[in-house]
């Protein structure tokens, strides 16, 4: 793996954890075990999504932008299933996963636009 990919993986995971933990608290959740679950779940799904987003276009003819929806859907469904199975205080785990991922994705895109100068 090259340095750019490793940097992308690390930065993406760190920002995702910050944004989704922030969303967790904004949603009024306070259970420490569910917060730990959120961290663990994102530590599993985020690197998979980022790695696929980097590598699939390199080895196929698929456009990276077209991969976003299926990769994000994978993350939302996987995280929702794990929140449902192991969460203590997720009344609507799939909706929470969709909202947290949308929040994180939107802030990430906004930051990317700011860094790249719109």
N, C-alpha and C. Protein backbone atom coordinates (compact mmCIF):
# COMPACT_ATOMS: atom_id res chain seq x y z
N UNK A 1 0.84 -1.18 0.00
CA UNK A 1 0.00 0.00 0.00
C UNK A 1 0.88 1.24 0.00
N UNK A 2 0.43 2.23 -0.70
CA UNK A 2 1.23 3.45 -0.73
C UNK A 2 0.83 4.40 0.39
N UNK A 3 1.66 5.43 0.56
CA UNK A 3 1.46 6.38 1.65
C UNK A 3 0.14 7.13 1.49
N UNK A 4 -0.22 7.49 0.26
CA UNK A 4 -1.47 8.22 0.04
C UNK A 4 -2.68 7.40 0.47
N UNK A 5 -2.67 6.11 0.16
CA UNK A 5 -3.79 5.25 0.54
C UNK A 5 -3.85 5.10 2.06
N UNK A 6 -2.71 4.87 2.68
CA UNK A 6 -2.70 4.73 4.14
C UNK A 6 -3.13 6.02 4.82
N UNK A 7 -2.70 7.15 4.29
CA UNK A 7 -3.13 8.44 4.84
C UNK A 7 -4.62 8.61 4.68
N UNK A 8 -5.14 8.27 3.51
CA UNK A 8 -6.57 8.38 3.25
C UNK A 8 -7.37 7.51 4.21
N UNK A 9 -6.90 6.29 4.43
CA UNK A 9 -7.58 5.38 5.35
C UNK A 9 -7.59 5.97 6.77
N UNK A 10 -6.46 6.45 7.22
CA UNK A 10 -6.35 6.97 8.59
C UNK A 10 -7.19 8.23 8.77
N UNK A 11 -7.08 9.17 7.84
CA UNK A 11 -7.83 10.42 7.96
C UNK A 11 -9.33 10.16 7.88
N UNK A 12 -9.73 9.32 6.94
CA UNK A 12 -11.14 9.02 6.77
C UNK A 12 -11.72 8.37 8.03
N UNK A 13 -11.01 7.42 8.58
CA UNK A 13 -11.50 6.76 9.79
C UNK A 13 -11.57 7.74 10.96
N UNK A 14 -10.54 8.53 11.14
CA UNK A 14 -10.53 9.49 12.25
C UNK A 14 -11.68 10.48 12.13
N UNK A 15 -11.87 11.04 10.94
CA UNK A 15 -12.96 12.01 10.75
C UNK A 15 -14.32 11.35 10.91
N UNK A 16 -14.47 10.15 10.38
CA UNK A 16 -15.74 9.43 10.52
C UNK A 16 -16.07 9.19 11.98
N UNK A 17 -15.08 8.78 12.76
CA UNK A 17 -15.33 8.54 14.19
C UNK A 17 -15.72 9.82 14.91
N UNK A 18 -15.06 10.91 14.59
CA UNK A 18 -15.39 12.20 15.22
C UNK A 18 -16.81 12.63 14.82
N UNK A 19 -17.11 12.58 13.53
CA UNK A 19 -18.41 13.06 13.05
C UNK A 19 -19.55 12.17 13.54
N UNK A 20 -19.37 10.86 13.47
CA UNK A 20 -20.46 9.97 13.88
C UNK A 20 -20.63 9.94 15.39
N UNK A 21 -19.54 10.08 16.13
CA UNK A 21 -19.68 10.20 17.60
C UNK A 21 -20.39 11.51 17.93
N UNK A 22 -20.04 12.57 17.21
CA UNK A 22 -20.74 13.84 17.40
C UNK A 22 -22.22 13.72 17.11
N UNK A 23 -22.54 13.03 16.02
CA UNK A 23 -23.94 12.80 15.68
C UNK A 23 -24.63 11.99 16.77
N UNK A 24 -23.95 11.00 17.29
CA UNK A 24 -24.47 10.15 18.37
C UNK A 24 -24.94 11.02 19.54
N UNK A 25 -24.08 11.96 19.94
CA UNK A 25 -24.43 12.84 21.06
C UNK A 25 -25.51 13.84 20.67
N UNK A 26 -25.44 14.36 19.43
CA UNK A 26 -26.48 15.28 18.96
C UNK A 26 -27.85 14.60 18.92
N UNK A 27 -27.86 13.29 18.68
CA UNK A 27 -29.10 12.53 18.65
C UNK A 27 -29.62 12.22 20.06
N UNK A 28 -28.90 12.69 21.07
CA UNK A 28 -29.35 12.51 22.44
C UNK A 28 -28.94 11.19 23.08
N UNK A 29 -28.09 10.47 22.44
CA UNK A 29 -27.66 9.18 22.98
C UNK A 29 -26.50 9.38 23.94
N UNK A 30 -26.48 8.57 25.01
CA UNK A 30 -25.43 8.72 26.03
C UNK A 30 -24.87 7.38 26.51
N UNK A 31 -25.42 6.27 26.04
CA UNK A 31 -24.99 4.97 26.51
C UNK A 31 -23.54 4.69 26.06
N UNK A 32 -22.64 4.48 27.01
CA UNK A 32 -21.22 4.30 26.70
C UNK A 32 -20.96 3.02 25.90
N UNK A 33 -21.73 1.99 26.17
CA UNK A 33 -21.54 0.73 25.42
C UNK A 33 -21.97 0.90 23.96
N UNK A 34 -23.04 1.64 23.73
CA UNK A 34 -23.46 1.91 22.35
C UNK A 34 -22.47 2.82 21.63
N UNK A 35 -21.86 3.74 22.37
CA UNK A 35 -20.82 4.59 21.76
C UNK A 35 -19.62 3.74 21.37
N UNK A 36 -19.24 2.81 22.23
CA UNK A 36 -18.15 1.89 21.89
C UNK A 36 -18.52 1.05 20.67
N UNK A 37 -19.77 0.60 20.61
CA UNK A 37 -20.25 -0.16 19.45
C UNK A 37 -20.13 0.68 18.19
N UNK A 38 -20.52 1.95 18.26
CA UNK A 38 -20.40 2.85 17.11
C UNK A 38 -18.95 2.93 16.64
N UNK A 39 -18.03 3.06 17.57
CA UNK A 39 -16.60 3.12 17.21
C UNK A 39 -16.15 1.82 16.55
N UNK A 40 -16.52 0.70 17.14
CA UNK A 40 -16.11 -0.59 16.59
C UNK A 40 -16.72 -0.85 15.21
N UNK A 41 -17.99 -0.55 15.07
CA UNK A 41 -18.70 -0.76 13.80
C UNK A 41 -18.06 0.07 12.68
N UNK A 42 -17.77 1.33 12.99
CA UNK A 42 -17.16 2.19 11.98
C UNK A 42 -15.72 1.80 11.69
N UNK A 43 -15.05 1.24 12.67
CA UNK A 43 -13.68 0.76 12.46
C UNK A 43 -13.67 -0.44 11.52
N UNK A 44 -14.78 -1.14 11.47
CA UNK A 44 -14.91 -2.27 10.53
C UNK A 44 -15.32 -1.78 9.15
N UNK A 45 -16.34 -0.96 9.07
CA UNK A 45 -16.91 -0.61 7.76
C UNK A 45 -16.13 0.47 7.01
N UNK A 46 -15.64 1.47 7.72
CA UNK A 46 -14.99 2.59 7.03
C UNK A 46 -13.78 2.18 6.21
N UNK A 47 -12.84 1.40 6.75
CA UNK A 47 -11.69 1.01 5.93
C UNK A 47 -12.09 0.18 4.70
N UNK A 48 -13.11 -0.64 4.82
CA UNK A 48 -13.58 -1.43 3.68
C UNK A 48 -14.09 -0.50 2.58
N UNK A 49 -14.91 0.47 2.97
CA UNK A 49 -15.48 1.41 2.00
C UNK A 49 -14.38 2.23 1.34
N UNK A 50 -13.47 2.77 2.13
CA UNK A 50 -12.40 3.61 1.58
C UNK A 50 -11.48 2.78 0.68
N UNK A 51 -11.12 1.60 1.11
CA UNK A 51 -10.25 0.73 0.31
C UNK A 51 -10.91 0.37 -1.02
N UNK A 52 -12.17 0.01 -0.98
CA UNK A 52 -12.89 -0.30 -2.23
C UNK A 52 -12.99 0.93 -3.13
N UNK A 53 -13.21 2.09 -2.54
CA UNK A 53 -13.32 3.32 -3.32
C UNK A 53 -12.00 3.64 -4.02
N UNK A 54 -10.90 3.28 -3.38
CA UNK A 54 -9.58 3.50 -3.99
C UNK A 54 -9.23 2.42 -5.02
N UNK A 55 -9.45 1.17 -4.67
CA UNK A 55 -8.91 0.06 -5.46
C UNK A 55 -9.79 -0.39 -6.62
N UNK A 56 -11.10 -0.38 -6.46
CA UNK A 56 -11.97 -0.88 -7.52
C UNK A 56 -11.77 -0.11 -8.83
N UNK A 57 -11.71 1.22 -8.81
CA UNK A 57 -11.46 1.93 -10.08
C UNK A 57 -10.08 1.63 -10.68
N UNK A 58 -9.12 1.30 -9.84
CA UNK A 58 -7.78 0.98 -10.37
C UNK A 58 -7.76 -0.33 -11.16
N UNK A 59 -8.59 -1.27 -10.75
CA UNK A 59 -8.54 -2.60 -11.34
C UNK A 59 -9.76 -2.93 -12.21
N UNK A 60 -10.67 -1.98 -12.34
CA UNK A 60 -11.84 -2.19 -13.18
C UNK A 60 -12.08 -0.93 -14.00
N UNK A 61 -13.10 -0.95 -14.80
CA UNK A 61 -13.49 0.22 -15.58
C UNK A 61 -14.55 1.06 -14.86
N UNK A 62 -14.87 0.70 -13.62
CA UNK A 62 -15.92 1.40 -12.88
C UNK A 62 -15.46 2.78 -12.45
N UNK A 63 -16.36 3.72 -12.54
CA UNK A 63 -16.12 5.09 -12.12
C UNK A 63 -16.25 5.17 -10.60
N UNK A 64 -15.30 5.86 -9.95
CA UNK A 64 -15.30 5.97 -8.49
C UNK A 64 -16.58 6.64 -7.97
N UNK A 65 -17.10 7.62 -8.69
CA UNK A 65 -18.31 8.31 -8.27
C UNK A 65 -19.51 7.36 -8.27
N UNK A 66 -19.54 6.44 -9.23
CA UNK A 66 -20.65 5.49 -9.29
C UNK A 66 -20.59 4.46 -8.17
N UNK A 67 -19.43 4.32 -7.56
CA UNK A 67 -19.28 3.37 -6.46
C UNK A 67 -19.82 3.92 -5.14
N UNK A 68 -19.96 5.23 -5.06
CA UNK A 68 -20.35 5.83 -3.78
C UNK A 68 -21.66 5.27 -3.23
N UNK A 69 -22.67 5.21 -4.04
CA UNK A 69 -23.98 4.75 -3.54
C UNK A 69 -23.94 3.31 -3.04
N UNK A 70 -23.42 2.35 -3.83
CA UNK A 70 -23.38 0.98 -3.29
C UNK A 70 -22.47 0.84 -2.07
N UNK A 71 -21.36 1.57 -2.05
CA UNK A 71 -20.47 1.47 -0.89
C UNK A 71 -21.11 2.07 0.35
N UNK A 72 -21.76 3.21 0.21
CA UNK A 72 -22.44 3.81 1.35
C UNK A 72 -23.63 2.95 1.79
N UNK A 73 -24.32 2.35 0.84
CA UNK A 73 -25.43 1.45 1.19
C UNK A 73 -24.91 0.26 1.98
N UNK A 74 -23.78 -0.28 1.56
CA UNK A 74 -23.14 -1.38 2.31
C UNK A 74 -22.88 -0.95 3.75
N UNK A 75 -22.29 0.25 3.92
CA UNK A 75 -21.97 0.74 5.26
C UNK A 75 -23.24 0.91 6.10
N UNK A 76 -24.26 1.54 5.53
CA UNK A 76 -25.50 1.79 6.26
C UNK A 76 -26.16 0.47 6.67
N UNK A 77 -26.25 -0.46 5.75
CA UNK A 77 -26.92 -1.74 6.06
C UNK A 77 -26.12 -2.58 7.06
N UNK A 78 -24.82 -2.62 6.89
CA UNK A 78 -23.97 -3.39 7.81
C UNK A 78 -24.01 -2.79 9.21
N UNK A 79 -23.84 -1.47 9.28
CA UNK A 79 -23.86 -0.82 10.59
C UNK A 79 -25.24 -0.95 11.24
N UNK A 80 -26.30 -0.76 10.46
CA UNK A 80 -27.65 -0.91 11.00
C UNK A 80 -27.89 -2.29 11.56
N UNK A 81 -27.42 -3.31 10.84
CA UNK A 81 -27.59 -4.69 11.31
C UNK A 81 -26.82 -4.92 12.62
N UNK A 82 -25.62 -4.36 12.71
CA UNK A 82 -24.83 -4.53 13.93
C UNK A 82 -25.42 -3.74 15.10
N UNK A 83 -25.95 -2.55 14.82
CA UNK A 83 -26.62 -1.78 15.88
C UNK A 83 -27.86 -2.54 16.37
N UNK A 84 -28.57 -3.15 15.43
CA UNK A 84 -29.79 -3.90 15.79
C UNK A 84 -29.44 -5.11 16.65
N UNK A 85 -28.39 -5.82 16.26
CA UNK A 85 -28.03 -7.06 16.95
C UNK A 85 -27.37 -6.80 18.31
N UNK A 86 -26.49 -5.81 18.38
CA UNK A 86 -25.68 -5.62 19.58
C UNK A 86 -25.98 -4.34 20.36
N UNK A 87 -26.73 -3.43 19.77
CA UNK A 87 -27.00 -2.16 20.43
C UNK A 87 -27.99 -2.30 21.57
N UNK A 88 -27.84 -1.43 22.54
CA UNK A 88 -28.72 -1.43 23.70
C UNK A 88 -29.82 -0.39 23.59
N UNK A 89 -29.54 0.72 22.90
CA UNK A 89 -30.46 1.85 22.88
C UNK A 89 -30.68 2.40 21.47
N UNK A 90 -30.70 1.52 20.48
CA UNK A 90 -30.98 1.94 19.11
C UNK A 90 -32.39 1.48 18.76
N UNK A 91 -33.37 2.40 18.89
CA UNK A 91 -34.76 2.03 18.61
C UNK A 91 -35.00 1.79 17.12
N UNK A 92 -34.35 2.57 16.29
CA UNK A 92 -34.42 2.41 14.82
C UNK A 92 -33.00 2.36 14.29
N UNK A 93 -32.36 1.21 14.41
CA UNK A 93 -30.92 1.13 14.10
C UNK A 93 -30.57 1.47 12.65
N UNK A 94 -31.40 1.08 11.70
CA UNK A 94 -31.10 1.38 10.30
C UNK A 94 -31.28 2.86 10.00
N UNK A 95 -32.28 3.47 10.60
CA UNK A 95 -32.49 4.90 10.42
C UNK A 95 -31.34 5.69 11.07
N UNK A 96 -30.92 5.25 12.25
CA UNK A 96 -29.78 5.89 12.90
C UNK A 96 -28.55 5.76 12.03
N UNK A 97 -28.30 4.58 11.50
CA UNK A 97 -27.14 4.36 10.64
C UNK A 97 -27.19 5.25 9.41
N UNK A 98 -28.35 5.34 8.76
CA UNK A 98 -28.51 6.19 7.58
C UNK A 98 -28.25 7.65 7.93
N UNK A 99 -28.83 8.11 9.04
CA UNK A 99 -28.66 9.51 9.44
C UNK A 99 -27.22 9.81 9.82
N UNK A 100 -26.59 8.93 10.59
CA UNK A 100 -25.20 9.15 11.01
C UNK A 100 -24.26 9.15 9.81
N UNK A 101 -24.47 8.22 8.89
CA UNK A 101 -23.62 8.16 7.70
C UNK A 101 -23.86 9.35 6.79
N UNK A 102 -25.08 9.78 6.66
CA UNK A 102 -25.39 10.96 5.84
C UNK A 102 -24.75 12.21 6.45
N UNK A 103 -24.85 12.34 7.76
CA UNK A 103 -24.24 13.46 8.46
C UNK A 103 -22.73 13.47 8.24
N UNK A 104 -22.11 12.33 8.46
CA UNK A 104 -20.66 12.20 8.30
C UNK A 104 -20.24 12.46 6.86
N UNK A 105 -20.96 11.90 5.91
CA UNK A 105 -20.64 12.07 4.49
C UNK A 105 -20.77 13.53 4.09
N UNK A 106 -21.85 14.18 4.51
CA UNK A 106 -22.08 15.58 4.14
C UNK A 106 -20.99 16.49 4.70
N UNK A 107 -20.63 16.30 5.96
CA UNK A 107 -19.57 17.12 6.54
C UNK A 107 -18.24 16.83 5.86
N UNK A 108 -17.98 15.57 5.56
CA UNK A 108 -16.76 15.21 4.85
C UNK A 108 -16.68 15.86 3.48
N UNK A 109 -17.78 15.87 2.75
CA UNK A 109 -17.80 16.51 1.43
C UNK A 109 -17.61 18.02 1.57
N UNK A 110 -18.22 18.62 2.57
CA UNK A 110 -18.06 20.05 2.79
C UNK A 110 -16.60 20.38 3.11
N UNK A 111 -15.98 19.59 3.98
CA UNK A 111 -14.57 19.81 4.30
C UNK A 111 -13.69 19.65 3.06
N UNK A 112 -14.00 18.65 2.24
CA UNK A 112 -13.23 18.41 1.03
C UNK A 112 -13.36 19.61 0.09
N UNK A 113 -14.56 20.16 -0.01
CA UNK A 113 -14.77 21.34 -0.86
C UNK A 113 -13.99 22.55 -0.31
N UNK A 114 -13.97 22.71 0.99
CA UNK A 114 -13.24 23.83 1.60
C UNK A 114 -11.74 23.66 1.36
N UNK A 115 -11.24 22.47 1.58
CA UNK A 115 -9.80 22.21 1.40
C UNK A 115 -9.40 22.38 -0.06
N UNK A 116 -10.24 21.93 -0.96
CA UNK A 116 -9.94 22.02 -2.41
C UNK A 116 -10.34 23.35 -3.01
N UNK A 117 -10.87 24.26 -2.22
CA UNK A 117 -11.25 25.58 -2.71
C UNK A 117 -12.52 25.60 -3.53
N UNK A 118 -13.49 24.81 -3.16
CA UNK A 118 -14.78 24.70 -3.84
C UNK A 118 -14.52 24.34 -5.26
